[in-house]
Amino acid sequence: MDAVIDLDAVDRRILRALQTNGRATYDQLAAEVQLSASATLRRVKRLEEIGAIAGYAAVVPPERVGLGLTAYINVRLAKHTDSPRRNPRELFRAAVQAWPEVVECVALTGEMDYLLRVVVQDMAHYSRFIMETLLAHPSVQDCKTSFVMERIKTVSATPV
């Protein structure tokens, strides 16, 4: 696990502002955090260098680009595979990186090993993903799916 980054109040204001509007100019950002533009630029560059800002991205609602079905899939891995070189977890972790339908994968405690957030076009696309990709993987023993019926809250911002 990476070390916690020590942030002061100004750093936190900058991070909150950028999470709200990552396209703000340095002048706009400086006015919001009450610093000069040059001081704000130095702070942002430092936050990027130390890893407090990992990158910038556009937020794309899946439904607006034809990905109308979101599923959360609990995955249980087999304890052993035929591959003597790599264990099931390593094989699964490597494979999931190549599956475009998987937009998030987290390791879990409890009965299941992983939780995948998957976005697909429709039920036919979901079925193909499950049958031809996920369950076809040699490390996967079982999976259970829940479908999103309605999004109540979705944020990408970290509460700093």
Protein backbone atom coordinates (compact mmCIF):
# COMPACT_ATOMS: atom_id res chain seq x y z
CA MET A 1 0.00 0.00 0.00
CA ASP A 2 1.29 3.45 -0.86
CA ALA A 3 2.09 5.90 1.91
CA VAL A 4 -0.53 8.49 2.82
CA ILE A 5 0.27 11.89 1.33
CA ASP A 6 0.31 14.77 3.80
CA LEU A 7 -2.01 17.50 2.48
CA ASP A 8 -2.61 20.96 3.91
CA ALA A 9 -5.89 22.90 3.66
CA VAL A 10 -4.90 24.59 0.39
CA ASP A 11 -3.97 21.24 -1.21
CA ARG A 12 -7.37 19.89 -0.20
CA ARG A 13 -9.17 22.93 -1.66
CA ILE A 14 -7.27 22.46 -4.92
CA LEU A 15 -8.15 18.76 -5.07
CA ARG A 16 -11.85 19.45 -4.36
CA ALA A 17 -11.95 22.16 -7.03
CA LEU A 18 -10.24 20.00 -9.66
CA GLN A 19 -12.56 17.08 -8.92
CA THR A 20 -15.49 19.39 -9.55
CA ASN A 21 -14.01 20.93 -12.71
CA GLY A 22 -10.85 19.32 -14.02
CA ARG A 23 -10.85 21.69 -16.99
CA ALA A 24 -10.63 24.86 -14.91
CA THR A 25 -7.88 27.24 -15.96
CA TYR A 26 -5.17 28.05 -13.44
CA ASP A 27 -6.65 31.55 -13.13
CA GLN A 28 -10.09 30.10 -12.31
CA LEU A 29 -8.60 27.58 -9.93
CA ALA A 30 -6.46 30.26 -8.24
CA ALA A 31 -9.50 32.47 -7.67
CA GLU A 32 -11.41 29.56 -6.14
CA VAL A 33 -8.62 28.52 -3.76
CA GLN A 34 -7.50 32.07 -3.05
CA LEU A 35 -3.91 31.86 -4.31
CA SER A 36 -2.04 33.46 -7.18
CA ALA A 37 -2.12 31.59 -10.49
CA SER A 38 1.63 30.86 -10.29
CA ALA A 39 1.35 29.49 -6.73
CA THR A 40 -1.63 27.39 -7.79
CA LEU A 41 0.29 26.03 -10.78
CA ARG A 42 3.22 25.06 -8.51
CA ARG A 43 0.84 23.35 -6.06
CA VAL A 44 -0.95 21.40 -8.81
CA LYS A 45 2.36 20.26 -10.35
CA ARG A 46 3.56 19.11 -6.91
CA LEU A 47 0.28 17.25 -6.29
CA GLU A 48 0.73 15.49 -9.63
CA GLU A 49 4.37 14.61 -8.91
CA ILE A 50 3.65 13.12 -5.48
CA GLY A 51 0.70 11.11 -6.77
CA ALA A 52 -2.16 12.98 -5.10
CA ILE A 53 -3.46 13.59 -8.63
CA ALA A 54 -3.17 10.41 -10.67
CA GLY A 55 -4.65 11.77 -13.91
CA TYR A 56 -7.49 13.61 -15.58
CA ALA A 57 -10.48 12.06 -17.35
CA ALA A 58 -13.82 12.83 -18.93
CA VAL A 59 -16.89 11.38 -17.20
CA VAL A 60 -18.87 9.40 -19.79
CA PRO A 61 -22.33 8.12 -18.78
CA PRO A 62 -22.44 4.53 -20.12
CA GLU A 63 -26.10 4.80 -21.17
CA ARG A 64 -25.32 7.78 -23.43
CA VAL A 65 -22.82 5.71 -25.45
CA GLY A 66 -24.93 2.58 -25.91
CA LEU A 67 -23.93 0.69 -22.76
CA GLY A 68 -27.36 0.48 -21.16
CA LEU A 69 -26.83 -2.43 -18.78
CA THR A 70 -24.61 -2.34 -15.69
CA ALA A 71 -24.02 -5.47 -13.65
CA TYR A 72 -22.12 -6.24 -10.47
CA ILE A 73 -20.68 -9.73 -10.65
CA ASN A 74 -19.34 -11.59 -7.61
CA VAL A 75 -16.65 -14.02 -8.74
CA ARG A 76 -15.29 -17.03 -6.86
CA LEU A 77 -12.04 -18.52 -8.13
CA ALA A 78 -11.01 -22.14 -8.24
CA LYS A 79 -8.34 -23.01 -5.71
CA HIS A 80 -6.10 -24.75 -8.27
CA THR A 81 -5.58 -24.64 -12.02
CA ASP A 82 -3.74 -26.78 -14.56
CA SER A 83 -1.06 -24.11 -14.88
CA PRO A 84 1.91 -25.01 -12.69
CA ARG A 85 3.49 -21.57 -13.12
CA ARG A 86 0.78 -19.19 -11.96
CA ASN A 87 -1.92 -19.46 -9.34
CA PRO A 88 -5.61 -18.79 -10.15
CA ARG A 89 -5.50 -15.27 -8.69
CA GLU A 90 -2.58 -14.22 -10.89
CA LEU A 91 -4.24 -15.69 -13.98
CA PHE A 92 -7.54 -13.96 -13.22
CA ARG A 93 -5.96 -10.59 -12.40
CA ALA A 94 -4.05 -10.66 -15.67
CA ALA A 95 -7.09 -11.66 -17.72
CA VAL A 96 -9.46 -9.07 -16.25
CA GLN A 97 -7.16 -6.30 -17.46
CA ALA A 98 -7.98 -7.22 -21.06
CA TRP A 99 -11.76 -7.38 -20.70
CA PRO A 100 -13.19 -4.01 -21.83
CA GLU A 101 -16.60 -4.72 -20.28
CA VAL A 102 -15.02 -4.72 -16.81
CA VAL A 103 -14.71 -1.11 -15.65
CA GLU A 104 -13.84 -1.96 -12.05
CA CYS A 105 -12.51 -5.03 -10.28
CA VAL A 106 -11.90 -5.25 -6.53
CA ALA A 107 -10.70 -8.10 -4.33
CA LEU A 108 -13.08 -8.96 -1.49
CA THR A 109 -13.16 -10.65 1.85
CA GLY A 110 -15.88 -13.20 2.49
CA GLU A 111 -17.45 -15.90 0.38
CA MET A 112 -16.54 -14.48 -3.04
CA ASP A 113 -13.07 -13.42 -4.19
CA TYR A 114 -13.74 -10.48 -6.53
CA LEU A 115 -16.46 -8.00 -7.43
CA LEU A 116 -16.62 -6.79 -11.02
CA ARG A 117 -18.55 -3.79 -12.27
CA VAL A 118 -19.40 -4.55 -15.87
CA VAL A 119 -21.04 -2.30 -18.47
CA VAL A 120 -22.55 -3.88 -21.58
CA GLN A 121 -24.99 -2.97 -24.33
CA ASP A 122 -27.80 -5.30 -23.36
CA MET A 123 -28.67 -8.74 -21.98
CA ALA A 124 -27.32 -10.50 -25.09
CA HIS A 125 -23.96 -8.77 -24.65
CA TYR A 126 -23.98 -9.68 -20.95
CA SER A 127 -24.74 -13.32 -21.78
CA ARG A 128 -21.87 -13.48 -24.28
CA PHE A 129 -19.49 -11.94 -21.74
CA ILE A 130 -20.50 -14.43 -19.04
CA MET A 131 -20.50 -17.55 -21.19
CA GLU A 132 -17.60 -16.86 -23.57
CA THR A 133 -15.28 -14.83 -21.36
CA LEU A 134 -15.84 -14.98 -17.61
CA LEU A 135 -17.00 -18.57 -17.09
CA ALA A 136 -14.65 -19.78 -19.84
CA HIS A 137 -11.68 -18.56 -17.82
CA PRO A 138 -9.93 -21.52 -16.14
CA SER A 139 -9.59 -19.73 -12.77
CA VAL A 140 -13.30 -18.95 -12.40
CA GLN A 141 -15.33 -21.43 -10.39
CA ASP A 142 -18.61 -19.52 -9.93
CA CYS A 143 -20.22 -16.12 -10.31
CA LYS A 144 -23.36 -14.37 -9.13
CA THR A 145 -24.78 -11.27 -10.78
CA SER A 146 -26.88 -8.33 -9.64
CA PHE A 147 -28.14 -5.83 -12.22
CA VAL A 148 -28.40 -2.08 -11.65
CA MET A 149 -32.00 -1.00 -11.87
CA GLU A 150 -31.47 2.67 -10.99
CA ARG A 151 -28.47 4.80 -10.10
CA ILE A 152 -29.13 6.64 -6.86
CA LYS A 153 -25.71 8.24 -6.38
CA THR A 154 -22.65 8.15 -8.58
CA VAL A 155 -19.56 10.20 -7.82
CA SER A 156 -15.98 9.89 -8.91
CA ALA A 157 -14.67 12.45 -6.45
CA THR A 158 -12.72 11.40 -3.36
CA PRO A 159 -13.90 13.24 -0.23
CA VAL A 160 -10.74 15.21 0.61
